[in-house]
Amino acid sequence: MKRGLVVDDSAVIRLVSGRILAQMRFESAEVEDGAKALASCERLMPDVILLSGNMPRNDTLEFLRTIRRMPGGRAPKIILCAMENDPMVIGRALRAGADDVLFKPFDRRTLQEKFEDVGLLG
């Protein structure tokens, strides 16, 4: 079973995203900040990370750069979940290591299409 990690400070986003991952037959974990996400990845690297574009405590770009330098950190597909379409923010995130961008709010169909785009499904 593939594993997903949801990183978002919103409990509602974490809950909904975790349920969508479970419906897609992914084992999932949910954390509220980048520090906890990095600790989770150190224990067991996920196949995919749904990463909030605006994380508390640990900047999104810092998280991306740090995880990509970790052992096995090039492997997970990282989907930046953004609230707004700011080309500068998105460009920086893609250069720092995000694989793709998904705009909030999203549903199962949209997430499944994004997973297909990055090669996780299909």
N, C-alpha and C. Protein backbone atom coordinates (compact mmCIF):
# COMPACT_ATOMS: atom_id res chain seq x y z
N MET A 1 0.84 -1.18 0.00
CA MET A 1 0.00 0.00 0.00
C MET A 1 0.89 1.24 0.00
N LYS A 2 0.55 2.22 -0.85
CA LYS A 2 1.31 3.47 -0.90
C LYS A 2 0.95 4.32 0.31
N ARG A 3 1.94 5.15 0.68
CA ARG A 3 1.77 5.99 1.86
C ARG A 3 1.77 7.46 1.48
N GLY A 4 0.88 8.22 2.13
CA GLY A 4 0.80 9.65 1.93
C GLY A 4 0.95 10.39 3.24
N LEU A 5 1.45 11.61 3.15
CA LEU A 5 1.59 12.49 4.30
C LEU A 5 0.93 13.82 3.97
N VAL A 6 0.01 14.25 4.83
CA VAL A 6 -0.67 15.53 4.66
C VAL A 6 -0.07 16.50 5.67
N VAL A 7 0.42 17.65 5.17
CA VAL A 7 1.03 18.65 6.03
C VAL A 7 0.24 19.95 5.87
N ASP A 8 -0.55 20.28 6.89
CA ASP A 8 -1.38 21.49 6.83
C ASP A 8 -1.74 21.91 8.24
N ASP A 9 -1.77 23.21 8.50
CA ASP A 9 -2.12 23.68 9.84
C ASP A 9 -3.62 23.63 10.10
N SER A 10 -4.42 23.41 9.07
CA SER A 10 -5.87 23.31 9.23
C SER A 10 -6.27 21.86 9.52
N ALA A 11 -6.90 21.65 10.68
CA ALA A 11 -7.37 20.31 11.05
C ALA A 11 -8.39 19.80 10.05
N VAL A 12 -9.22 20.69 9.52
CA VAL A 12 -10.24 20.29 8.54
C VAL A 12 -9.59 19.81 7.25
N ILE A 13 -8.61 20.54 6.76
CA ILE A 13 -7.89 20.14 5.54
C ILE A 13 -7.20 18.80 5.76
N ARG A 14 -6.57 18.63 6.92
CA ARG A 14 -5.90 17.35 7.21
C ARG A 14 -6.90 16.21 7.21
N LEU A 15 -8.04 16.40 7.87
CA LEU A 15 -9.06 15.36 7.97
C LEU A 15 -9.61 15.00 6.59
N VAL A 16 -10.00 15.99 5.83
CA VAL A 16 -10.58 15.74 4.50
C VAL A 16 -9.55 15.10 3.57
N SER A 17 -8.33 15.62 3.58
CA SER A 17 -7.28 15.06 2.72
C SER A 17 -6.96 13.62 3.10
N GLY A 18 -6.89 13.35 4.41
CA GLY A 18 -6.64 11.98 4.87
C GLY A 18 -7.73 11.03 4.43
N ARG A 19 -8.97 11.47 4.49
CA ARG A 19 -10.09 10.63 4.03
C ARG A 19 -10.02 10.37 2.53
N ILE A 20 -9.67 11.40 1.77
CA ILE A 20 -9.54 11.21 0.32
C ILE A 20 -8.43 10.21 0.03
N LEU A 21 -7.30 10.33 0.71
CA LEU A 21 -6.20 9.38 0.51
C LEU A 21 -6.65 7.96 0.85
N ALA A 22 -7.38 7.81 1.94
CA ALA A 22 -7.86 6.48 2.33
C ALA A 22 -8.80 5.91 1.27
N GLN A 23 -9.67 6.73 0.71
CA GLN A 23 -10.57 6.29 -0.37
C GLN A 23 -9.78 5.85 -1.60
N MET A 24 -8.61 6.45 -1.79
CA MET A 24 -7.76 6.10 -2.93
C MET A 24 -6.82 4.95 -2.58
N ARG A 25 -7.02 4.33 -1.42
CA ARG A 25 -6.23 3.19 -0.95
C ARG A 25 -4.77 3.55 -0.63
N PHE A 26 -4.60 4.72 -0.05
CA PHE A 26 -3.31 5.14 0.47
C PHE A 26 -3.38 5.08 1.98
N GLU A 27 -2.32 4.61 2.60
CA GLU A 27 -2.18 4.74 4.05
C GLU A 27 -1.75 6.19 4.26
N SER A 28 -2.33 6.88 5.24
CA SER A 28 -1.96 8.29 5.38
C SER A 28 -1.68 8.67 6.81
N ALA A 29 -0.86 9.69 6.93
CA ALA A 29 -0.57 10.33 8.21
C ALA A 29 -0.80 11.82 7.99
N GLU A 30 -1.19 12.51 9.04
CA GLU A 30 -1.46 13.93 8.94
C GLU A 30 -0.71 14.65 10.06
N VAL A 31 -0.02 15.73 9.71
CA VAL A 31 0.68 16.56 10.69
C VAL A 31 0.39 18.03 10.41
N GLU A 32 0.58 18.86 11.46
CA GLU A 32 0.19 20.26 11.32
C GLU A 32 1.32 21.22 10.98
N ASP A 33 2.56 20.76 10.96
CA ASP A 33 3.64 21.69 10.61
C ASP A 33 4.83 20.94 10.00
N GLY A 34 5.74 21.73 9.46
CA GLY A 34 6.90 21.18 8.78
C GLY A 34 7.85 20.41 9.67
N ALA A 35 8.02 20.85 10.91
CA ALA A 35 8.92 20.14 11.82
C ALA A 35 8.42 18.72 12.06
N LYS A 36 7.11 18.58 12.31
CA LYS A 36 6.55 17.25 12.51
C LYS A 36 6.59 16.44 11.21
N ALA A 37 6.44 17.11 10.09
CA ALA A 37 6.50 16.42 8.80
C ALA A 37 7.90 15.86 8.55
N LEU A 38 8.92 16.65 8.86
CA LEU A 38 10.29 16.17 8.68
C LEU A 38 10.58 14.99 9.60
N ALA A 39 10.11 15.06 10.84
CA ALA A 39 10.30 13.94 11.77
C ALA A 39 9.60 12.69 11.26
N SER A 40 8.41 12.85 10.71
CA SER A 40 7.68 11.71 10.15
C SER A 40 8.44 11.11 8.97
N CYS A 41 8.99 11.97 8.13
CA CYS A 41 9.74 11.49 6.96
C CYS A 41 11.04 10.80 7.35
N GLU A 42 11.63 11.24 8.45
CA GLU A 42 12.84 10.57 8.95
C GLU A 42 12.53 9.15 9.39
N ARG A 43 11.34 8.95 9.98
CA ARG A 43 10.93 7.61 10.43
C ARG A 43 10.59 6.72 9.24
N LEU A 44 9.80 7.24 8.31
CA LEU A 44 9.35 6.46 7.17
C LEU A 44 8.95 7.39 6.05
N MET A 45 9.72 7.39 4.96
CA MET A 45 9.49 8.31 3.85
C MET A 45 8.21 7.91 3.10
N PRO A 46 7.29 8.85 2.92
CA PRO A 46 6.04 8.53 2.20
C PRO A 46 6.26 8.51 0.69
N ASP A 47 5.26 8.03 -0.02
CA ASP A 47 5.28 8.05 -1.49
C ASP A 47 4.85 9.41 -2.02
N VAL A 48 3.97 10.07 -1.27
CA VAL A 48 3.46 11.39 -1.68
C VAL A 48 3.27 12.27 -0.45
N ILE A 49 3.53 13.56 -0.65
CA ILE A 49 3.31 14.54 0.41
C ILE A 49 2.40 15.63 -0.15
N LEU A 50 1.28 15.87 0.53
CA LEU A 50 0.41 17.00 0.21
C LEU A 50 0.83 18.11 1.17
N LEU A 51 1.46 19.14 0.63
CA LEU A 51 2.14 20.15 1.43
C LEU A 51 1.44 21.50 1.32
N SER A 52 1.03 22.03 2.45
CA SER A 52 0.42 23.36 2.47
C SER A 52 1.39 24.39 1.93
N GLY A 53 0.87 25.31 1.16
CA GLY A 53 1.70 26.38 0.61
C GLY A 53 2.04 27.45 1.63
N ASN A 54 1.44 27.37 2.82
CA ASN A 54 1.66 28.38 3.86
C ASN A 54 1.73 27.69 5.22
N MET A 55 2.88 27.10 5.53
CA MET A 55 3.02 26.33 6.77
C MET A 55 3.54 27.18 7.92
N PRO A 56 3.03 26.91 9.13
CA PRO A 56 3.59 27.57 10.32
C PRO A 56 4.87 26.87 10.78
N ARG A 57 5.67 27.55 11.55
CA ARG A 57 6.87 27.03 12.22
C ARG A 57 8.00 26.65 11.28
N ASN A 58 7.71 26.12 10.12
CA ASN A 58 8.77 25.70 9.22
C ASN A 58 8.35 26.08 7.81
N ASP A 59 8.97 27.08 7.28
CA ASP A 59 8.64 27.62 5.98
C ASP A 59 8.53 26.52 4.91
N THR A 60 7.57 26.66 4.03
CA THR A 60 7.34 25.68 2.96
C THR A 60 8.59 25.45 2.13
N LEU A 61 9.25 26.53 1.71
CA LEU A 61 10.45 26.38 0.88
C LEU A 61 11.57 25.70 1.65
N GLU A 62 11.71 26.03 2.93
CA GLU A 62 12.73 25.39 3.77
C GLU A 62 12.45 23.89 3.88
N PHE A 63 11.17 23.54 4.09
CA PHE A 63 10.79 22.13 4.16
C PHE A 63 11.17 21.41 2.87
N LEU A 64 10.82 22.00 1.73
CA LEU A 64 11.12 21.37 0.44
C LEU A 64 12.62 21.15 0.27
N ARG A 65 13.40 22.16 0.55
CA ARG A 65 14.86 22.03 0.39
C ARG A 65 15.43 20.98 1.34
N THR A 66 14.93 20.97 2.58
CA THR A 66 15.44 20.03 3.58
C THR A 66 15.08 18.59 3.21
N ILE A 67 13.83 18.35 2.84
CA ILE A 67 13.44 16.97 2.55
C ILE A 67 14.16 16.44 1.32
N ARG A 68 14.37 17.27 0.33
CA ARG A 68 15.05 16.80 -0.88
C ARG A 68 16.51 16.44 -0.62
N ARG A 69 17.09 16.97 0.47
CA ARG A 69 18.47 16.62 0.84
C ARG A 69 18.55 15.39 1.74
N MET A 70 17.43 14.96 2.29
CA MET A 70 17.41 13.81 3.20
C MET A 70 17.65 12.51 2.43
N PRO A 71 18.17 11.47 3.10
CA PRO A 71 18.26 10.16 2.45
C PRO A 71 16.86 9.71 2.01
N GLY A 72 16.72 9.39 0.76
CA GLY A 72 15.43 8.98 0.21
C GLY A 72 14.50 10.14 -0.08
N GLY A 73 14.94 11.36 0.16
CA GLY A 73 14.10 12.53 0.02
C GLY A 73 13.79 12.97 -1.40
N ARG A 74 14.44 12.36 -2.38
CA ARG A 74 14.12 12.67 -3.77
C ARG A 74 12.95 11.83 -4.26
N ALA A 75 12.62 10.78 -3.53
CA ALA A 75 11.61 9.82 -3.98
C ALA A 75 10.17 10.29 -3.90
N PRO A 76 9.73 10.90 -2.80
CA PRO A 76 8.30 11.22 -2.72
C PRO A 76 7.89 12.29 -3.73
N LYS A 77 6.70 12.13 -4.24
CA LYS A 77 6.09 13.17 -5.05
C LYS A 77 5.53 14.19 -4.07
N ILE A 78 5.86 15.44 -4.27
CA ILE A 78 5.38 16.49 -3.37
C ILE A 78 4.45 17.41 -4.14
N ILE A 79 3.20 17.46 -3.68
CA ILE A 79 2.19 18.30 -4.30
C ILE A 79 1.96 19.50 -3.38
N LEU A 80 2.28 20.69 -3.87
CA LEU A 80 2.05 21.91 -3.12
C LEU A 80 0.57 22.25 -3.21
N CYS A 81 -0.09 22.37 -2.07
CA CYS A 81 -1.52 22.70 -2.01
C CYS A 81 -1.63 24.19 -1.68
N ALA A 82 -1.98 24.97 -2.69
CA ALA A 82 -1.96 26.43 -2.57
C ALA A 82 -3.37 27.01 -2.53
N MET A 83 -3.50 28.14 -1.86
CA MET A 83 -4.77 28.85 -1.79
C MET A 83 -4.92 29.84 -2.94
N GLU A 84 -3.82 30.34 -3.45
CA GLU A 84 -3.90 31.34 -4.51
C GLU A 84 -2.90 31.05 -5.60
N ASN A 85 -3.18 31.57 -6.76
CA ASN A 85 -2.33 31.35 -7.93
C ASN A 85 -1.34 32.51 -8.06
N ASP A 86 -0.30 32.49 -7.27
CA ASP A 86 0.75 33.48 -7.32
C ASP A 86 1.95 32.86 -8.05
N PRO A 87 2.19 33.25 -9.30
CA PRO A 87 3.26 32.62 -10.08
C PRO A 87 4.63 32.67 -9.42
N MET A 88 4.92 33.73 -8.68
CA MET A 88 6.23 33.82 -8.01
C MET A 88 6.35 32.77 -6.91
N VAL A 89 5.32 32.62 -6.09
CA VAL A 89 5.34 31.64 -5.00
C VAL A 89 5.41 30.23 -5.57
N ILE A 90 4.60 29.96 -6.57
CA ILE A 90 4.57 28.63 -7.19
C ILE A 90 5.91 28.31 -7.84
N GLY A 91 6.48 29.27 -8.54
CA GLY A 91 7.79 29.07 -9.18
C GLY A 91 8.87 28.75 -8.17
N ARG A 92 8.89 29.48 -7.06
CA ARG A 92 9.89 29.21 -6.02
C ARG A 92 9.72 27.82 -5.44
N ALA A 93 8.47 27.41 -5.22
CA ALA A 93 8.20 26.08 -4.65
C ALA A 93 8.63 24.98 -5.63
N LEU A 94 8.36 25.16 -6.90
CA LEU A 94 8.77 24.16 -7.89
C LEU A 94 10.29 24.07 -7.97
N ARG A 95 10.96 25.21 -7.93
CA ARG A 95 12.43 25.19 -7.95
C ARG A 95 13.01 24.57 -6.69
N ALA A 96 12.31 24.72 -5.57
CA ALA A 96 12.80 24.17 -4.29
C ALA A 96 12.54 22.67 -4.15
N GLY A 97 11.69 22.11 -5.04
CA GLY A 97 11.51 20.66 -4.99
C GLY A 97 10.10 20.14 -5.10
N ALA A 98 9.09 21.01 -5.15
CA ALA A 98 7.72 20.53 -5.35
C ALA A 98 7.59 19.94 -6.75
N ASP A 99 6.81 18.88 -6.88
CA ASP A 99 6.61 18.25 -8.18
C ASP A 99 5.46 18.88 -8.96
N ASP A 100 4.47 19.38 -8.25
CA ASP A 100 3.31 19.96 -8.92
C ASP A 100 2.53 20.79 -7.92
N VAL A 101 1.49 21.45 -8.40
CA VAL A 101 0.66 22.33 -7.58
C VAL A 101 -0.80 21.94 -7.72
N LEU A 102 -1.51 21.99 -6.62
CA LEU A 102 -2.95 21.72 -6.57
C LEU A 102 -3.58 22.85 -5.77
N PHE A 103 -4.66 23.41 -6.30
CA PHE A 103 -5.29 24.53 -5.62
C PHE A 103 -6.40 24.06 -4.71
N LYS A 104 -6.43 24.65 -3.50
CA LYS A 104 -7.47 24.37 -2.53
C LYS A 104 -8.70 25.20 -2.89
N PRO A 105 -9.88 24.72 -2.62
CA PRO A 105 -10.19 23.38 -2.15
C PRO A 105 -10.13 22.39 -3.31
N PHE A 106 -9.88 21.12 -2.99
CA PHE A 106 -9.84 20.08 -4.02
C PHE A 106 -10.68 18.91 -3.55
N ASP A 107 -11.05 18.07 -4.51
CA ASP A 107 -11.84 16.88 -4.19
C ASP A 107 -11.08 15.64 -4.66
N ARG A 108 -11.69 14.49 -4.47
CA ARG A 108 -11.02 13.23 -4.81
C ARG A 108 -10.66 13.17 -6.30
N ARG A 109 -11.57 13.56 -7.16
CA ARG A 109 -11.33 13.50 -8.60
C ARG A 109 -10.12 14.35 -8.99
N THR A 110 -10.08 15.57 -8.45
CA THR A 110 -8.98 16.48 -8.76
C THR A 110 -7.65 15.92 -8.25
N LEU A 111 -7.66 15.38 -7.03
CA LEU A 111 -6.45 14.82 -6.46
C LEU A 111 -6.01 13.59 -7.25
N GLN A 112 -6.95 12.76 -7.64
CA GLN A 112 -6.62 11.57 -8.42
C GLN A 112 -5.99 11.96 -9.76
N GLU A 113 -6.53 12.98 -10.41
CA GLU A 113 -5.95 13.44 -11.68
C GLU A 113 -4.53 13.96 -11.47
N LYS A 114 -4.30 14.67 -10.37
CA LYS A 114 -2.97 15.19 -10.08
C LYS A 114 -2.01 14.04 -9.82
N PHE A 115 -2.44 13.01 -9.08
CA PHE A 115 -1.60 11.84 -8.84
C PHE A 115 -1.26 11.13 -10.15
N GLU A 116 -2.20 11.06 -11.06
CA GLU A 116 -1.93 10.46 -12.37
C GLU A 116 -0.90 11.31 -13.12
N ASP A 117 -1.03 12.63 -13.05
CA ASP A 117 -0.10 13.54 -13.73
C ASP A 117 1.34 13.35 -13.26
N VAL A 118 1.53 13.10 -11.97
CA VAL A 118 2.90 12.97 -11.43
C VAL A 118 3.38 11.52 -11.40
N GLY A 119 2.56 10.59 -11.90
CA GLY A 119 3.01 9.20 -12.03
C GLY A 119 2.76 8.33 -10.81
N LEU A 120 1.90 8.75 -9.88
CA LEU A 120 1.58 7.92 -8.72
C LEU A 120 0.53 6.87 -9.01
N LEU A 121 -0.31 7.12 -9.97
CA LEU A 121 -1.39 6.21 -10.34
C LEU A 121 -1.37 5.97 -11.84
N GLY A 122 -2.06 4.90 -12.22
CA GLY A 122 -2.28 4.66 -13.64
C GLY A 122 -1.22 3.90 -14.25
